Amino acid sequence: MSRKKQKAPPFVMVRRDLLKDPEWRKLSSSAKVLYIYLRAKFNYKTLQEVTLAYSEVKDMMSSKTVSQAFKDLQQAGFIEKTKHGGLFGGVCAYKFTGQFKDFYYKGYAI
């Protein structure tokens, strides 16, 4: 009988130094949750901006809260808006900025 190698379930890595960062600690819980959702949507193969529609998190927080969380993350320097969306412009796109912008995949920073 052979043992099957089990694949780890999908996860989002949060660095320990991020958790200790003073700017991170000042963020609201909603902004922290939104940041983790943005990190989960990053595609390491394309290395493109990340999009997150309000409808994807509407079951967790109101549109006003989502809007404020995006503003908080931008002001704290964790994300930067690269494409403006809106009612007729589609979904906004963001890129990660600051000292925690790098992703680590199979031992490499990307």
PDB file of N, CA and C in Angstrom:
ATOM      1  N   MET A   1       0.840  -1.166   0.000  1.00  0.00           N
ATOM      2  CA  MET A   1       0.000   0.000   0.000  1.00  0.00           C
ATOM      3  C   MET A   1       0.894   1.241   0.000  1.00  0.00           C
ATOM      4  N   SER A   2       0.709   2.107  -0.944  1.00  0.00           N
ATOM      5  CA  SER A   2       1.547   3.305  -1.035  1.00  0.00           C
ATOM      6  C   SER A   2       0.849   4.497  -0.386  1.00  0.00           C
ATOM      7  N   ARG A   3       1.667   5.354   0.119  1.00  0.00           N
ATOM      8  CA  ARG A   3       1.121   6.563   0.735  1.00  0.00           C
ATOM      9  C   ARG A   3       1.067   7.666  -0.309  1.00  0.00           C
ATOM     10  N   LYS A   4      -0.058   8.317  -0.366  1.00  0.00           N
ATOM     11  CA  LYS A   4      -0.202   9.437  -1.291  1.00  0.00           C
ATOM     12  C   LYS A   4       0.324  10.698  -0.619  1.00  0.00           C
ATOM     13  N   LYS A   5       1.092  11.449  -1.373  1.00  0.00           N
ATOM     14  CA  LYS A   5       1.587  12.713  -0.870  1.00  0.00           C
ATOM     15  C   LYS A   5       0.439  13.711  -0.916  1.00  0.00           C
ATOM     16  N   GLN A   6       0.102  14.262   0.226  1.00  0.00           N
ATOM     17  CA  GLN A   6      -1.002  15.200   0.282  1.00  0.00           C
ATOM     18  C   GLN A   6      -0.499  16.613   0.049  1.00  0.00           C
ATOM     19  N   LYS A   7      -1.238  17.327  -0.734  1.00  0.00           N
ATOM     20  CA  LYS A   7      -0.924  18.717  -1.029  1.00  0.00           C
ATOM     21  C   LYS A   7      -1.503  19.600   0.075  1.00  0.00           C
ATOM     22  N   ALA A   8      -0.732  20.595   0.481  1.00  0.00           N
ATOM     23  CA  ALA A   8      -1.219  21.523   1.509  1.00  0.00           C
ATOM     24  C   ALA A   8      -2.390  22.330   0.962  1.00  0.00           C
ATOM     25  N   PRO A   9      -3.354  22.645   1.799  1.00  0.00           N
ATOM     26  CA  PRO A   9      -4.479  23.471   1.337  1.00  0.00           C
ATOM     27  C   PRO A   9      -3.992  24.892   1.047  1.00  0.00           C
ATOM     28  N   PRO A  10      -4.720  25.636   0.236  1.00  0.00           N
ATOM     29  CA  PRO A  10      -4.315  27.018  -0.051  1.00  0.00           C
ATOM     30  C   PRO A  10      -4.273  27.853   1.234  1.00  0.00           C
ATOM     31  N   PHE A  11      -3.296  28.730   1.313  1.00  0.00           N
ATOM     32  CA  PHE A  11      -3.168  29.581   2.488  1.00  0.00           C
ATOM     33  C   PHE A  11      -2.557  30.913   2.083  1.00  0.00           C
ATOM     34  N   VAL A  12      -2.635  31.871   2.978  1.00  0.00           N
ATOM     35  CA  VAL A  12      -2.037  33.187   2.781  1.00  0.00           C
ATOM     36  C   VAL A  12      -0.994  33.370   3.874  1.00  0.00           C
ATOM     37  N   MET A  13       0.238  33.638   3.460  1.00  0.00           N
ATOM     38  CA  MET A  13       1.312  33.820   4.418  1.00  0.00           C
ATOM     39  C   MET A  13       1.289  35.251   4.958  1.00  0.00           C
ATOM     40  N   VAL A  14       1.367  35.370   6.267  1.00  0.00           N
ATOM     41  CA  VAL A  14       1.482  36.674   6.910  1.00  0.00           C
ATOM     42  C   VAL A  14       2.804  36.670   7.668  1.00  0.00           C
ATOM     43  N   ARG A  15       3.666  37.600   7.303  1.00  0.00           N
ATOM     44  CA  ARG A  15       4.983  37.650   7.932  1.00  0.00           C
ATOM     45  C   ARG A  15       4.887  38.127   9.378  1.00  0.00           C
ATOM     46  N   ARG A  16       5.739  37.571  10.231  1.00  0.00           N
ATOM     47  CA  ARG A  16       5.728  37.954  11.646  1.00  0.00           C
ATOM     48  C   ARG A  16       6.120  39.407  11.843  1.00  0.00           C
ATOM     49  N   ASP A  17       7.084  39.878  11.049  1.00  0.00           N
ATOM     50  CA  ASP A  17       7.491  41.274  11.209  1.00  0.00           C
ATOM     51  C   ASP A  17       6.375  42.233  10.787  1.00  0.00           C
ATOM     52  N   LEU A  18       5.498  41.799   9.905  1.00  0.00           N
ATOM     53  CA  LEU A  18       4.328  42.615   9.556  1.00  0.00           C
ATOM     54  C   LEU A  18       3.416  42.767  10.768  1.00  0.00           C
ATOM     55  N   LEU A  19       3.215  41.677  11.496  1.00  0.00           N
ATOM     56  CA  LEU A  19       2.338  41.707  12.658  1.00  0.00           C
ATOM     57  C   LEU A  19       2.866  42.626  13.755  1.00  0.00           C
ATOM     58  N   LYS A  20       4.174  42.847  13.783  1.00  0.00           N
ATOM     59  CA  LYS A  20       4.788  43.706  14.801  1.00  0.00           C
ATOM     60  C   LYS A  20       4.935  45.150  14.335  1.00  0.00           C
ATOM     61  N   ASP A  21       4.674  45.407  13.062  1.00  0.00           N
ATOM     62  CA  ASP A  21       4.851  46.735  12.492  1.00  0.00           C
ATOM     63  C   ASP A  21       3.867  47.730  13.116  1.00  0.00           C
ATOM     64  N   PRO A  22       4.344  48.913  13.543  1.00  0.00           N
ATOM     65  CA  PRO A  22       3.451  49.894  14.174  1.00  0.00           C
ATOM     66  C   PRO A  22       2.319  50.366  13.256  1.00  0.00           C
ATOM     67  N   GLU A  23       2.600  50.519  11.964  1.00  0.00           N
ATOM     68  CA  GLU A  23       1.544  50.946  11.031  1.00  0.00           C
ATOM     69  C   GLU A  23       0.468  49.874  10.902  1.00  0.00           C
ATOM     70  N   TRP A  24       0.876  48.617  10.889  1.00  0.00           N
ATOM     71  CA  TRP A  24      -0.079  47.504  10.814  1.00  0.00           C
ATOM     72  C   TRP A  24      -0.970  47.492  12.046  1.00  0.00           C
ATOM     73  N   ARG A  25      -0.373  47.700  13.199  1.00  0.00           N
ATOM     74  CA  ARG A  25      -1.124  47.657  14.455  1.00  0.00           C
ATOM     75  C   ARG A  25      -2.153  48.783  14.547  1.00  0.00           C
ATOM     76  N   LYS A  26      -1.911  49.893  13.857  1.00  0.00           N
ATOM     77  CA  LYS A  26      -2.850  51.018  13.870  1.00  0.00           C
ATOM     78  C   LYS A  26      -4.069  50.769  12.990  1.00  0.00           C
ATOM     79  N   LEU A  27      -3.956  49.842  12.041  1.00  0.00           N
ATOM     80  CA  LEU A  27      -5.045  49.583  11.100  1.00  0.00           C
ATOM     81  C   LEU A  27      -6.266  48.984  11.797  1.00  0.00           C
ATOM     82  N   SER A  28      -7.417  49.253  11.233  1.00  0.00           N
ATOM     83  CA  SER A  28      -8.645  48.634  11.740  1.00  0.00           C
ATOM     84  C   SER A  28      -8.655  47.152  11.362  1.00  0.00           C
ATOM     85  N   SER A  29      -9.482  46.406  12.035  1.00  0.00           N
ATOM     86  CA  SER A  29      -9.613  44.973  11.728  1.00  0.00           C
ATOM     87  C   SER A  29     -10.094  44.767  10.295  1.00  0.00           C
ATOM     88  N   SER A  30     -10.978  45.628   9.837  1.00  0.00           N
ATOM     89  CA  SER A  30     -11.493  45.529   8.470  1.00  0.00           C
ATOM     90  C   SER A  30     -10.380  45.710   7.451  1.00  0.00           C
ATOM     91  N   ALA A  31      -9.483  46.666   7.686  1.00  0.00           N
ATOM     92  CA  ALA A  31      -8.367  46.903   6.771  1.00  0.00           C
ATOM     93  C   ALA A  31      -7.423  45.701   6.756  1.00  0.00           C
ATOM     94  N   LYS A  32      -7.204  45.097   7.893  1.00  0.00           N
ATOM     95  CA  LYS A  32      -6.327  43.918   7.970  1.00  0.00           C
ATOM     96  C   LYS A  32      -6.929  42.738   7.200  1.00  0.00           C
ATOM     97  N   VAL A  33      -8.225  42.526   7.362  1.00  0.00           N
ATOM     98  CA  VAL A  33      -8.907  41.446   6.642  1.00  0.00           C
ATOM     99  C   VAL A  33      -8.850  41.706   5.141  1.00  0.00           C
ATOM    100  N   LEU A  34      -9.085  42.932   4.743  1.00  0.00           N
ATOM    101  CA  LEU A  34      -9.042  43.297   3.325  1.00  0.00           C
ATOM    102  C   LEU A  34      -7.644  43.068   2.753  1.00  0.00           C
ATOM    103  N   TYR A  35      -6.619  43.414   3.502  1.00  0.00           N
ATOM    104  CA  TYR A  35      -5.235  43.198   3.073  1.00  0.00           C
ATOM    105  C   TYR A  35      -4.964  41.712   2.832  1.00  0.00           C
ATOM    106  N   ILE A  36      -5.442  40.872   3.735  1.00  0.00           N
ATOM    107  CA  ILE A  36      -5.245  39.428   3.581  1.00  0.00           C
ATOM    108  C   ILE A  36      -5.989  38.917   2.344  1.00  0.00           C
ATOM    109  N   TYR A  37      -7.178  39.427   2.098  1.00  0.00           N
ATOM    110  CA  TYR A  37      -7.908  39.050   0.882  1.00  0.00           C
ATOM    111  C   TYR A  37      -7.154  39.492  -0.370  1.00  0.00           C
ATOM    112  N   LEU A  38      -6.591  40.679  -0.353  1.00  0.00           N
ATOM    113  CA  LEU A  38      -5.802  41.146  -1.495  1.00  0.00           C
ATOM    114  C   LEU A  38      -4.580  40.253  -1.712  1.00  0.00           C
ATOM    115  N   ARG A  39      -3.916  39.890  -0.639  1.00  0.00           N
ATOM    116  CA  ARG A  39      -2.753  38.992  -0.740  1.00  0.00           C
ATOM    117  C   ARG A  39      -3.149  37.644  -1.331  1.00  0.00           C
ATOM    118  N   ALA A  40      -4.314  37.157  -0.948  1.00  0.00           N
ATOM    119  CA  ALA A  40      -4.780  35.862  -1.451  1.00  0.00           C
ATOM    120  C   ALA A  40      -5.066  35.904  -2.952  1.00  0.00           C
ATOM    121  N   LYS A  41      -5.399  37.070  -3.469  1.00  0.00           N
ATOM    122  CA  LYS A  41      -5.739  37.194  -4.889  1.00  0.00           C
ATOM    123  C   LYS A  41      -4.511  37.394  -5.779  1.00  0.00           C
ATOM    124  N   PHE A  42      -3.337  37.629  -5.187  1.00  0.00           N
ATOM    125  CA  PHE A  42      -2.132  37.864  -5.979  1.00  0.00           C
ATOM    126  C   PHE A  42      -1.760  36.606  -6.750  1.00  0.00           C
ATOM    127  N   ASN A  43      -1.418  36.777  -8.026  1.00  0.00           N
ATOM    128  CA  ASN A  43      -1.017  35.658  -8.875  1.00  0.00           C
ATOM    129  C   ASN A  43       0.483  35.764  -9.122  1.00  0.00           C
ATOM    130  N   TYR A  44       1.258  34.873  -8.521  1.00  0.00           N
ATOM    131  CA  TYR A  44       2.715  34.927  -8.633  1.00  0.00           C
ATOM    132  C   TYR A  44       3.196  34.608 -10.046  1.00  0.00           C
ATOM    133  N   LYS A  45       2.351  34.005 -10.873  1.00  0.00           N
ATOM    134  CA  LYS A  45       2.765  33.663 -12.239  1.00  0.00           C
ATOM    135  C   LYS A  45       2.719  34.876 -13.165  1.00  0.00           C
ATOM    136  N   THR A  46       1.737  35.745 -12.975  1.00  0.00           N
ATOM    137  CA  THR A  46       1.604  36.909 -13.846  1.00  0.00           C
ATOM    138  C   THR A  46       2.212  38.169 -13.240  1.00  0.00           C
ATOM    139  N   LEU A  47       2.331  38.209 -11.915  1.00  0.00           N
ATOM    140  CA  LEU A  47       2.890  39.353 -11.189  1.00  0.00           C
ATOM    141  C   LEU A  47       2.169  40.658 -11.516  1.00  0.00           C
ATOM    142  N   GLN A  48       0.887  40.572 -11.762  1.00  0.00           N
ATOM    143  CA  GLN A  48       0.116  41.762 -12.103  1.00  0.00           C
ATOM    144  C   GLN A  48      -0.542  42.348 -10.868  1.00  0.00           C
ATOM    145  N   GLU A  49      -1.205  43.475 -11.088  1.00  0.00           N
ATOM    146  CA  GLU A  49      -1.928  44.108  -9.999  1.00  0.00           C
ATOM    147  C   GLU A  49      -3.041  43.186  -9.499  1.00  0.00           C
ATOM    148  N   VAL A  50      -3.546  43.533  -8.350  1.00  0.00           N
ATOM    149  CA  VAL A  50      -4.600  42.749  -7.719  1.00  0.00           C
ATOM    150  C   VAL A  50      -5.902  43.547  -7.780  1.00  0.00           C
ATOM    151  N   THR A  51      -6.982  42.872  -8.081  1.00  0.00           N
ATOM    152  CA  THR A  51      -8.298  43.504  -8.057  1.00  0.00           C
ATOM    153  C   THR A  51      -9.164  42.802  -7.029  1.00  0.00           C
ATOM    154  N   LEU A  52     -10.004  43.562  -6.383  1.00  0.00           N
ATOM    155  CA  LEU A  52     -10.938  43.000  -5.416  1.00  0.00           C
ATOM    156  C   LEU A  52     -12.206  43.837  -5.474  1.00  0.00           C
ATOM    157  N   ALA A  53     -13.248  43.246  -5.991  1.00  0.00           N
ATOM    158  CA  ALA A  53     -14.529  43.938  -6.090  1.00  0.00           C
ATOM    159  C   ALA A  53     -15.204  43.974  -4.722  1.00  0.00           C
ATOM    160  N   TYR A  54     -15.938  45.017  -4.473  1.00  0.00           N
ATOM    161  CA  TYR A  54     -16.668  45.131  -3.217  1.00  0.00           C
ATOM    162  C   TYR A  54     -17.593  43.937  -3.013  1.00  0.00           C
ATOM    163  N   SER A  55     -18.145  43.421  -4.107  1.00  0.00           N
ATOM    164  CA  SER A  55     -19.087  42.304  -4.009  1.00  0.00           C
ATOM    165  C   SER A  55     -18.438  41.041  -3.455  1.00  0.00           C
ATOM    166  N   GLU A  56     -17.107  40.933  -3.557  1.00  0.00           N
ATOM    167  CA  GLU A  56     -16.418  39.746  -3.055  1.00  0.00           C
ATOM    168  C   GLU A  56     -16.349  39.711  -1.532  1.00  0.00           C
ATOM    169  N   VAL A  57     -16.485  40.854  -0.896  1.00  0.00           N
ATOM    170  CA  VAL A  57     -16.424  40.909   0.565  1.00  0.00           C
ATOM    171  C   VAL A  57     -17.694  41.494   1.177  1.00  0.00           C
ATOM    172  N   LYS A  58     -18.750  41.604   0.371  1.00  0.00           N
ATOM    173  CA  LYS A  58     -19.990  42.238   0.857  1.00  0.00           C
ATOM    174  C   LYS A  58     -20.663  41.444   1.973  1.00  0.00           C
ATOM    175  N   ASP A  59     -20.379  40.151   2.079  1.00  0.00           N
ATOM    176  CA  ASP A  59     -20.987  39.362   3.141  1.00  0.00           C
ATOM    177  C   ASP A  59     -20.279  39.575   4.490  1.00  0.00           C
ATOM    178  N   MET A  60     -19.120  40.232   4.466  1.00  0.00           N
ATOM    179  CA  MET A  60     -18.358  40.454   5.699  1.00  0.00           C
ATOM    180  C   MET A  60     -18.454  41.881   6.219  1.00  0.00           C
ATOM    181  N   MET A  61     -18.557  42.848   5.298  1.00  0.00           N
ATOM    182  CA  MET A  61     -18.577  44.244   5.715  1.00  0.00           C
ATOM    183  C   MET A  61     -19.336  45.088   4.706  1.00  0.00           C
ATOM    184  N   SER A  62     -19.770  46.241   5.140  1.00  0.00           N
ATOM    185  CA  SER A  62     -20.536  47.130   4.270  1.00  0.00           C
ATOM    186  C   SER A  62     -19.629  47.810   3.244  1.00  0.00           C
ATOM    187  N   SER A  63     -20.232  48.377   2.212  1.00  0.00           N
ATOM    188  CA  SER A  63     -19.471  49.089   1.181  1.00  0.00           C
ATOM    189  C   SER A  63     -18.691  50.251   1.778  1.00  0.00           C
ATOM    190  N   LYS A  64     -19.294  50.940   2.728  1.00  0.00           N
ATOM    191  CA  LYS A  64     -18.630  52.056   3.384  1.00  0.00           C
ATOM    192  C   LYS A  64     -17.386  51.582   4.144  1.00  0.00           C
ATOM    193  N   THR A  65     -17.491  50.453   4.819  1.00  0.00           N
ATOM    194  CA  THR A  65     -16.370  49.899   5.563  1.00  0.00           C
ATOM    195  C   THR A  65     -15.260  49.453   4.616  1.00  0.00           C
ATOM    196  N   VAL A  66     -15.636  48.835   3.497  1.00  0.00           N
ATOM    197  CA  VAL A  66     -14.650  48.407   2.498  1.00  0.00           C
ATOM    198  C   VAL A  66     -13.916  49.620   1.941  1.00  0.00           C
ATOM    199  N   SER A  67     -14.659  50.659   1.625  1.00  0.00           N
ATOM    200  CA  SER A  67     -14.070  51.879   1.091  1.00  0.00           C
ATOM    201  C   SER A  67     -13.079  52.492   2.080  1.00  0.00           C
ATOM    202  N   GLN A  68     -13.465  52.551   3.339  1.00  0.00           N
ATOM    203  CA  GLN A  68     -12.581  53.103   4.371  1.00  0.00           C
ATOM    204  C   GLN A  68     -11.350  52.222   4.563  1.00  0.00           C
ATOM    205  N   ALA A  69     -11.519  50.910   4.493  1.00  0.00           N
ATOM    206  CA  ALA A  69     -10.389  49.990   4.646  1.00  0.00           C
ATOM    207  C   ALA A  69      -9.374  50.173   3.515  1.00  0.00           C
ATOM    208  N   PHE A  70      -9.852  50.339   2.273  1.00  0.00           N
ATOM    209  CA  PHE A  70      -8.948  50.614   1.154  1.00  0.00           C
ATOM    210  C   PHE A  70      -8.184  51.917   1.391  1.00  0.00           C
ATOM    211  N   LYS A  71      -8.881  52.953   1.847  1.00  0.00           N
ATOM    212  CA  LYS A  71      -8.237  54.240   2.119  1.00  0.00           C
ATOM    213  C   LYS A  71      -7.186  54.101   3.209  1.00  0.00           C
ATOM    214  N   ASP A  72      -7.507  53.364   4.265  1.00  0.00           N
ATOM    215  CA  ASP A  72      -6.562  53.164   5.366  1.00  0.00           C
ATOM    216  C   ASP A  72      -5.297  52.445   4.895  1.00  0.00           C
ATOM    217  N   LEU A  73      -5.473  51.413   4.073  1.00  0.00           N
ATOM    218  CA  LEU A  73      -4.319  50.665   3.561  1.00  0.00           C
ATOM    219  C   LEU A  73      -3.446  51.532   2.661  1.00  0.00           C
ATOM    220  N   GLN A  74      -4.076  52.400   1.886  1.00  0.00           N
ATOM    221  CA  GLN A  74      -3.314  53.297   1.016  1.00  0.00           C
ATOM    222  C   GLN A  74      -2.563  54.340   1.848  1.00  0.00           C
ATOM    223  N   GLN A  75      -3.217  54.915   2.830  1.00  0.00           N
ATOM    224  CA  GLN A  75      -2.580  55.932   3.668  1.00  0.00           C
ATOM    225  C   GLN A  75      -1.436  55.351   4.487  1.00  0.00           C
ATOM    226  N   ALA A  76      -1.564  54.104   4.909  1.00  0.00           N
ATOM    227  CA  ALA A  76      -0.511  53.456   5.694  1.00  0.00           C
ATOM    228  C   ALA A  76       0.654  52.984   4.818  1.00  0.00           C
ATOM    229  N   GLY A  77       0.464  53.003   3.501  1.00  0.00           N
ATOM    230  CA  GLY A  77       1.542  52.638   2.593  1.00  0.00           C
ATOM    231  C   GLY A  77       1.652  51.156   2.271  1.00  0.00           C
ATOM    232  N   PHE A  78       0.584  50.406   2.482  1.00  0.00           N
ATOM    233  CA  PHE A  78       0.608  48.975   2.176  1.00  0.00           C
ATOM    234  C   PHE A  78       0.200  48.680   0.746  1.00  0.00           C
ATOM    235  N   ILE A  79      -0.684  49.507   0.171  1.00  0.00           N
ATOM    236  CA  ILE A  79      -1.122  49.327  -1.208  1.00  0.00           C
ATOM    237  C   ILE A  79      -1.155  50.673  -1.915  1.00  0.00           C
ATOM    238  N   GLU A  80      -1.168  50.606  -3.238  1.00  0.00           N
ATOM    239  CA  GLU A  80      -1.289  51.805  -4.069  1.00  0.00           C
ATOM    240  C   GLU A  80      -2.254  51.494  -5.202  1.00  0.00           C
ATOM    241  N   LYS A  81      -3.175  52.422  -5.460  1.00  0.00           N
ATOM    242  CA  LYS A  81      -4.152  52.224  -6.535  1.00  0.00           C
ATOM    243  C   LYS A  81      -3.465  52.488  -7.870  1.00  0.00           C
ATOM    244  N   THR A  82      -3.544  51.510  -8.787  1.00  0.00           N
ATOM    245  CA  THR A  82      -2.905  51.652 -10.097  1.00  0.00           C
ATOM    246  C   THR A  82      -3.919  51.878 -11.207  1.00  0.00           C
ATOM    247  N   LYS A  83      -5.171  51.510 -10.956  1.00  0.00           N
ATOM    248  CA  LYS A  83      -6.232  51.711 -11.947  1.00  0.00           C
ATOM    249  C   LYS A  83      -7.494  52.114 -11.217  1.00  0.00           C
ATOM    250  N   HIS A  84      -8.068  53.204 -11.656  1.00  0.00           N
ATOM    251  CA  HIS A  84      -9.314  53.680 -11.050  1.00  0.00           C
ATOM    252  C   HIS A  84     -10.497  52.986 -11.720  1.00  0.00           C
ATOM    253  N   GLY A  85     -11.385  52.481 -10.908  1.00  0.00           N
ATOM    254  CA  GLY A  85     -12.593  51.839 -11.420  1.00  0.00           C
ATOM    255  C   GLY A  85     -13.789  52.686 -11.051  1.00  0.00           C
ATOM    256  N   GLY A  86     -14.839  52.040 -10.721  1.00  0.00           N
ATOM    257  CA  GLY A  86     -16.050  52.761 -10.333  1.00  0.00           C
ATOM    258  C   GLY A  86     -17.253  52.188 -11.029  1.00  0.00           C
ATOM    259  N   LEU A  87     -18.296  52.954 -11.039  1.00  0.00           N
ATOM    260  CA  LEU A  87     -19.567  52.491 -11.576  1.00  0.00           C
ATOM    261  C   LEU A  87     -19.451  52.026 -13.026  1.00  0.00           C
ATOM    262  N   PHE A  88     -18.778  52.798 -13.864  1.00  0.00           N
ATOM    263  CA  PHE A  88     -18.662  52.427 -15.272  1.00  0.00           C
ATOM    264  C   PHE A  88     -17.242  52.035 -15.672  1.00  0.00           C
ATOM    265  N   GLY A  89     -16.285  52.220 -14.783  1.00  0.00           N
ATOM    266  CA  GLY A  89     -14.885  51.964 -15.118  1.00  0.00           C
ATOM    267  C   GLY A  89     -14.380  50.598 -14.718  1.00  0.00           C
ATOM    268  N   GLY A  90     -15.229  49.745 -14.211  1.00  0.00           N
ATOM    269  CA  GLY A  90     -14.788  48.417 -13.800  1.00  0.00           C
ATOM    270  C   GLY A  90     -14.265  48.424 -12.369  1.00  0.00           C
ATOM    271  N   VAL A  91     -13.390  47.492 -12.072  1.00  0.00           N
ATOM    272  CA  VAL A  91     -12.865  47.307 -10.724  1.00  0.00           C
ATOM    273  C   VAL A  91     -11.510  48.004 -10.608  1.00  0.00           C
ATOM    274  N   CYS A  92     -11.249  48.611  -9.474  1.00  0.00           N
ATOM    275  CA  CYS A  92      -9.954  49.247  -9.228  1.00  0.00           C
ATOM    276  C   CYS A  92      -8.878  48.167  -9.120  1.00  0.00           C
ATOM    277  N   ALA A  93      -7.660  48.524  -9.504  1.00  0.00           N
ATOM    278  CA  ALA A  93      -6.523  47.616  -9.384  1.00  0.00           C
ATOM    279  C   ALA A  93      -5.526  48.224  -8.408  1.00  0.00           C
ATOM    280  N   TYR A  94      -4.832  47.371  -7.672  1.00  0.00           N
ATOM    281  CA  TYR A  94      -3.897  47.801  -6.646  1.00  0.00           C
ATOM    282  C   TYR A  94      -2.595  47.029  -6.771  1.00  0.00           C
ATOM    283  N   LYS A  95      -1.503  47.661  -6.306  1.00  0.00           N
ATOM    284  CA  LYS A  95      -0.242  46.943  -6.186  1.00  0.00           C
ATOM    285  C   LYS A  95       0.234  47.109  -4.751  1.00  0.00           C
ATOM    286  N   PHE A  96       1.027  46.165  -4.296  1.00  0.00           N
ATOM    287  CA  PHE A  96       1.553  46.211  -2.939  1.00  0.00           C
ATOM    288  C   PHE A  96       2.786  47.097  -2.909  1.00  0.00           C
ATOM    289  N   THR A  97       2.910  47.892  -1.852  1.00  0.00           N
ATOM    290  CA  THR A  97       4.027  48.817  -1.718  1.00  0.00           C
ATOM    291  C   THR A  97       4.629  48.690  -0.321  1.00  0.00           C
ATOM    292  N   GLY A  98       5.730  49.365  -0.121  1.00  0.00           N
ATOM    293  CA  GLY A  98       6.354  49.394   1.199  1.00  0.00           C
ATOM    294  C   GLY A  98       7.249  48.202   1.430  1.00  0.00           C
ATOM    295  N   GLN A  99       7.691  48.060   2.653  1.00  0.00           N
ATOM    296  CA  GLN A  99       8.652  47.015   2.982  1.00  0.00           C
ATOM    297  C   GLN A  99       8.064  45.604   2.948  1.00  0.00           C
ATOM    298  N   PHE A 100       6.743  45.478   2.915  1.00  0.00           N
ATOM    299  CA  PHE A 100       6.110  44.164   2.905  1.00  0.00           C
ATOM    300  C   PHE A 100       5.521  43.821   1.543  1.00  0.00           C
ATOM    301  N   LYS A 101       5.997  44.472   0.487  1.00  0.00           N
ATOM    302  CA  LYS A 101       5.426  44.259  -0.839  1.00  0.00           C
ATOM    303  C   LYS A 101       5.843  42.933  -1.462  1.00  0.00           C
ATOM    304  N   ASP A 102       6.998  42.387  -1.066  1.00  0.00           N
ATOM    305  CA  ASP A 102       7.510  41.171  -1.697  1.00  0.00           C
ATOM    306  C   ASP A 102       6.716  39.939  -1.293  1.00  0.00           C
ATOM    307  N   PHE A 103       6.627  39.025  -2.242  1.00  0.00           N
ATOM    308  CA  PHE A 103       6.021  37.724  -2.010  1.00  0.00           C
ATOM    309  C   PHE A 103       7.135  36.694  -2.031  1.00  0.00           C
ATOM    310  N   TYR A 104       6.979  35.658  -1.277  1.00  0.00           N
ATOM    311  CA  TYR A 104       7.967  34.587  -1.255  1.00  0.00           C
ATOM    312  C   TYR A 104       7.318  33.318  -1.785  1.00  0.00           C
ATOM    313  N   TYR A 105       7.948  32.776  -2.814  1.00  0.00           N
ATOM    314  CA  TYR A 105       7.419  31.578  -3.441  1.00  0.00           C
ATOM    315  C   TYR A 105       8.568  30.633  -3.710  1.00  0.00           C
ATOM    316  N   LYS A 106       8.491  29.456  -3.115  1.00  0.00           N
ATOM    317  CA  LYS A 106       9.529  28.427  -3.261  1.00  0.00           C
ATOM    318  C   LYS A 106      10.926  28.977  -2.984  1.00  0.00           C
ATOM    319  N   GLY A 107      11.013  29.786  -1.937  1.00  0.00           N
ATOM    320  CA  GLY A 107      12.297  30.295  -1.497  1.00  0.00           C
ATOM    321  C   GLY A 107      12.792  31.544  -2.217  1.00  0.00           C
ATOM    322  N   TYR A 108      11.996  32.087  -3.131  1.00  0.00           N
ATOM    323  CA  TYR A 108      12.412  33.265  -3.881  1.00  0.00           C
ATOM    324  C   TYR A 108      11.478  34.432  -3.586  1.00  0.00           C
ATOM    325  N   ALA A 109      12.063  35.616  -3.496  1.00  0.00           N
ATOM    326  CA  ALA A 109      11.251  36.832  -3.340  1.00  0.00           C
ATOM    327  C   ALA A 109      10.841  37.286  -4.724  1.00  0.00           C
ATOM    328  N   ILE A 110       9.541  37.523  -4.919  1.00  0.00           N
ATOM    329  CA  ILE A 110       9.063  37.989  -6.226  1.00  0.00           C
ATOM    330  C   ILE A 110       8.222  39.239  -6.032  1.00  0.00           C
TER     331      ILE A 110
END
